[in-house]
Amino acid sequence: MGVNLGDRMSNETLVNITGQPSIVNVMRRNRLRWFGHVNRAANPDGSTPLIKKSMFSYFHDEKRPSNIGRCKQWEDNILKDINELQIQNWLRLTLDRKKWREAINKNVYVKTGFCKH
């Protein structure tokens, strides 16, 4: 690309020139990809896997501390991501891997045509 450290270009400008997706969109896609993977998980005997139990907080005996305020939890981020991408019926959609990938990859793509040869 012909850019070096001496050009003193901001990261934002460099990302725009290269056509890379924003780090926010990449992190959102990665969170939702893991979420879909865990939601599709199943044990051979039909029981719920431990990772799925912990993700959906199926441990009813555990209490969260009330004296420290409410910390933002992973599932809050997932729900925010799902709302921002306007994904409807995510529970069914995660079961179809191909459709789930299409839904979460909407904002994560690399624009081409920026290379100087």
C-alpha atoms as a PDB file:
ATOM      1  CA  MET A   1       0.000   0.000   0.000  1.00  0.00           C
ATOM      2  CA  GLY A   2       3.001   2.279   0.289  1.00  0.00           C
ATOM      3  CA  VAL A   3       2.204   3.370   3.851  1.00  0.00           C
ATOM      4  CA  ASN A   4       4.867   3.320   6.553  1.00  0.00           C
ATOM      5  CA  LEU A   5       5.185   4.535  10.137  1.00  0.00           C
ATOM      6  CA  GLY A   6       6.625   7.865   8.994  1.00  0.00           C
ATOM      7  CA  ASP A   7       3.334   8.739   7.277  1.00  0.00           C
ATOM      8  CA  ARG A   8       1.704   9.260  10.709  1.00  0.00           C
ATOM      9  CA  MET A   9      -1.685   7.978   9.579  1.00  0.00           C
ATOM     10  CA  SER A  10      -4.436   7.262  12.106  1.00  0.00           C
ATOM     11  CA  ASN A  11      -5.674   3.710  12.557  1.00  0.00           C
ATOM     12  CA  GLU A  12      -9.138   4.821  11.513  1.00  0.00           C
ATOM     13  CA  THR A  13      -7.856   6.202   8.213  1.00  0.00           C
ATOM     14  CA  LEU A  14      -5.802   3.086   7.564  1.00  0.00           C
ATOM     15  CA  VAL A  15      -8.800   0.843   8.240  1.00  0.00           C
ATOM     16  CA  ASN A  16     -10.890   2.888   5.798  1.00  0.00           C
ATOM     17  CA  ILE A  17      -8.213   2.715   3.098  1.00  0.00           C
ATOM     18  CA  THR A  18      -7.823  -1.054   3.408  1.00  0.00           C
ATOM     19  CA  GLY A  19     -11.566  -1.679   3.580  1.00  0.00           C
ATOM     20  CA  GLN A  20     -11.296  -3.707   6.773  1.00  0.00           C
ATOM     21  CA  PRO A  21     -14.404  -4.060   8.958  1.00  0.00           C
ATOM     22  CA  SER A  22     -14.429  -2.248  12.286  1.00  0.00           C
ATOM     23  CA  ILE A  23     -13.142  -4.129  15.307  1.00  0.00           C
ATOM     24  CA  VAL A  24     -16.574  -3.685  16.920  1.00  0.00           C
ATOM     25  CA  ASN A  25     -18.212  -5.613  14.084  1.00  0.00           C
ATOM     26  CA  VAL A  26     -15.539  -8.321  14.173  1.00  0.00           C
ATOM     27  CA  MET A  27     -15.954  -8.794  17.939  1.00  0.00           C
ATOM     28  CA  ARG A  28     -19.750  -8.878  17.568  1.00  0.00           C
ATOM     29  CA  ARG A  29     -19.482 -11.551  14.878  1.00  0.00           C
ATOM     30  CA  ASN A  30     -17.098 -13.626  16.993  1.00  0.00           C
ATOM     31  CA  ARG A  31     -19.364 -13.424  20.058  1.00  0.00           C
ATOM     32  CA  LEU A  32     -22.407 -14.422  18.024  1.00  0.00           C
ATOM     33  CA  ARG A  33     -20.511 -17.203  16.246  1.00  0.00           C
ATOM     34  CA  TRP A  34     -19.579 -18.721  19.625  1.00  0.00           C
ATOM     35  CA  PHE A  35     -23.150 -18.203  20.849  1.00  0.00           C
ATOM     36  CA  GLY A  36     -24.533 -20.128  17.862  1.00  0.00           C
ATOM     37  CA  HIS A  37     -22.000 -22.917  18.351  1.00  0.00           C
ATOM     38  CA  VAL A  38     -22.934 -23.339  22.011  1.00  0.00           C
ATOM     39  CA  ASN A  39     -26.661 -23.129  21.294  1.00  0.00           C
ATOM     40  CA  ARG A  40     -26.333 -25.992  18.783  1.00  0.00           C
ATOM     41  CA  ALA A  41     -24.377 -28.126  21.276  1.00  0.00           C
ATOM     42  CA  ALA A  42     -26.018 -31.325  22.516  1.00  0.00           C
ATOM     43  CA  ASN A  43     -24.833 -34.336  24.478  1.00  0.00           C
ATOM     44  CA  PRO A  44     -25.287 -37.784  22.903  1.00  0.00           C
ATOM     45  CA  ASP A  45     -27.607 -38.803  25.760  1.00  0.00           C
ATOM     46  CA  GLY A  46     -29.874 -35.805  25.179  1.00  0.00           C
ATOM     47  CA  SER A  47     -28.877 -33.918  28.324  1.00  0.00           C
ATOM     48  CA  THR A  48     -27.879 -30.272  28.244  1.00  0.00           C
ATOM     49  CA  PRO A  49     -24.095 -29.747  27.999  1.00  0.00           C
ATOM     50  CA  LEU A  50     -22.358 -27.908  30.842  1.00  0.00           C
ATOM     51  CA  ILE A  51     -21.223 -25.086  28.550  1.00  0.00           C
ATOM     52  CA  LYS A  52     -24.816 -24.464  27.498  1.00  0.00           C
ATOM     53  CA  LYS A  53     -26.004 -24.563  31.094  1.00  0.00           C
ATOM     54  CA  SER A  54     -23.467 -21.974  32.106  1.00  0.00           C
ATOM     55  CA  MET A  55     -24.193 -19.757  29.103  1.00  0.00           C
ATOM     56  CA  PHE A  56     -27.918 -19.699  29.761  1.00  0.00           C
ATOM     57  CA  SER A  57     -27.406 -19.627  33.563  1.00  0.00           C
ATOM     58  CA  TYR A  58     -29.328 -22.790  34.361  1.00  0.00           C
ATOM     59  CA  PHE A  59     -27.783 -22.944  37.838  1.00  0.00           C
ATOM     60  CA  HIS A  60     -30.791 -21.855  39.886  1.00  0.00           C
ATOM     61  CA  ASP A  61     -29.069 -22.360  43.262  1.00  0.00           C
ATOM     62  CA  GLU A  62     -26.433 -19.728  42.542  1.00  0.00           C
ATOM     63  CA  LYS A  63     -27.121 -16.148  43.499  1.00  0.00           C
ATOM     64  CA  ARG A  64     -25.389 -13.104  42.144  1.00  0.00           C
ATOM     65  CA  PRO A  65     -24.038 -10.590  44.643  1.00  0.00           C
ATOM     66  CA  SER A  66     -26.517  -7.744  45.094  1.00  0.00           C
ATOM     67  CA  ASN A  67     -24.273  -5.343  46.994  1.00  0.00           C
ATOM     68  CA  ILE A  68     -21.924  -4.519  44.107  1.00  0.00           C
ATOM     69  CA  GLY A  69     -24.458  -3.412  41.530  1.00  0.00           C
ATOM     70  CA  ARG A  70     -25.299  -5.101  38.275  1.00  0.00           C
ATOM     71  CA  CYS A  71     -22.296  -5.781  36.084  1.00  0.00           C
ATOM     72  CA  LYS A  72     -22.783  -6.117  32.362  1.00  0.00           C
ATOM     73  CA  GLN A  73     -22.828  -9.808  31.632  1.00  0.00           C
ATOM     74  CA  TRP A  74     -21.947 -11.755  28.533  1.00  0.00           C
ATOM     75  CA  GLU A  75     -25.562 -12.567  27.775  1.00  0.00           C
ATOM     76  CA  ASP A  76     -26.389  -8.841  27.908  1.00  0.00           C
ATOM     77  CA  ASN A  77     -23.821  -8.267  25.168  1.00  0.00           C
ATOM     78  CA  ILE A  78     -25.310 -11.113  23.118  1.00  0.00           C
ATOM     79  CA  LEU A  79     -28.826  -9.681  23.388  1.00  0.00           C
ATOM     80  CA  LYS A  80     -27.513  -6.235  22.443  1.00  0.00           C
ATOM     81  CA  ASP A  81     -25.711  -7.711  19.413  1.00  0.00           C
ATOM     82  CA  ILE A  82     -28.827  -9.608  18.323  1.00  0.00           C
ATOM     83  CA  ASN A  83     -30.927  -6.437  18.625  1.00  0.00           C
ATOM     84  CA  GLU A  84     -28.398  -4.309  16.723  1.00  0.00           C
ATOM     85  CA  LEU A  85     -28.322  -6.799  13.855  1.00  0.00           C
ATOM     86  CA  GLN A  86     -32.130  -7.030  14.010  1.00  0.00           C
ATOM     87  CA  ILE A  87     -32.070 -10.823  14.131  1.00  0.00           C
ATOM     88  CA  GLN A  88     -35.528 -12.279  14.612  1.00  0.00           C
ATOM     89  CA  ASN A  89     -36.137 -15.748  16.080  1.00  0.00           C
ATOM     90  CA  TRP A  90     -32.470 -16.301  16.972  1.00  0.00           C
ATOM     91  CA  LEU A  91     -33.167 -19.569  18.779  1.00  0.00           C
ATOM     92  CA  ARG A  92     -34.320 -21.308  15.600  1.00  0.00           C
ATOM     93  CA  LEU A  93     -31.827 -19.460  13.407  1.00  0.00           C
ATOM     94  CA  THR A  94     -28.810 -20.655  15.432  1.00  0.00           C
ATOM     95  CA  LEU A  95     -29.780 -24.253  14.752  1.00  0.00           C
ATOM     96  CA  ASP A  96     -29.173 -23.734  11.018  1.00  0.00           C
ATOM     97  CA  ARG A  97     -25.446 -22.995  10.866  1.00  0.00           C
ATOM     98  CA  LYS A  98     -25.435 -21.613   7.333  1.00  0.00           C
ATOM     99  CA  LYS A  99     -28.296 -19.168   7.930  1.00  0.00           C
ATOM    100  CA  TRP A 100     -26.812 -18.128  11.290  1.00  0.00           C
ATOM    101  CA  ARG A 101     -23.460 -17.362   9.656  1.00  0.00           C
ATOM    102  CA  GLU A 102     -25.185 -15.277   6.969  1.00  0.00           C
ATOM    103  CA  ALA A 103     -27.075 -13.307   9.634  1.00  0.00           C
ATOM    104  CA  ILE A 104     -24.035 -12.526  11.778  1.00  0.00           C
ATOM    105  CA  ASN A 105     -21.672 -11.741   8.895  1.00  0.00           C
ATOM    106  CA  LYS A 106     -23.810  -8.903   7.496  1.00  0.00           C
ATOM    107  CA  ASN A 107     -21.501  -6.129   8.708  1.00  0.00           C
ATOM    108  CA  VAL A 108     -18.195  -7.984   8.579  1.00  0.00           C
ATOM    109  CA  TYR A 109     -16.663  -8.015   5.155  1.00  0.00           C
ATOM    110  CA  VAL A 110     -13.528  -6.778   3.476  1.00  0.00           C
ATOM    111  CA  LYS A 111     -13.894  -4.393   0.586  1.00  0.00           C
ATOM    112  CA  THR A 112     -11.651  -5.239  -2.330  1.00  0.00           C
ATOM    113  CA  GLY A 113      -9.915  -3.091  -4.875  1.00  0.00           C
ATOM    114  CA  PHE A 114      -7.601  -1.168  -2.540  1.00  0.00           C
ATOM    115  CA  CYS A 115      -4.275  -2.807  -3.425  1.00  0.00           C
ATOM    116  CA  LYS A 116      -1.709  -0.934  -5.493  1.00  0.00           C
ATOM    117  CA  HIS A 117       0.185  -3.278  -7.780  1.00  0.00           C
END
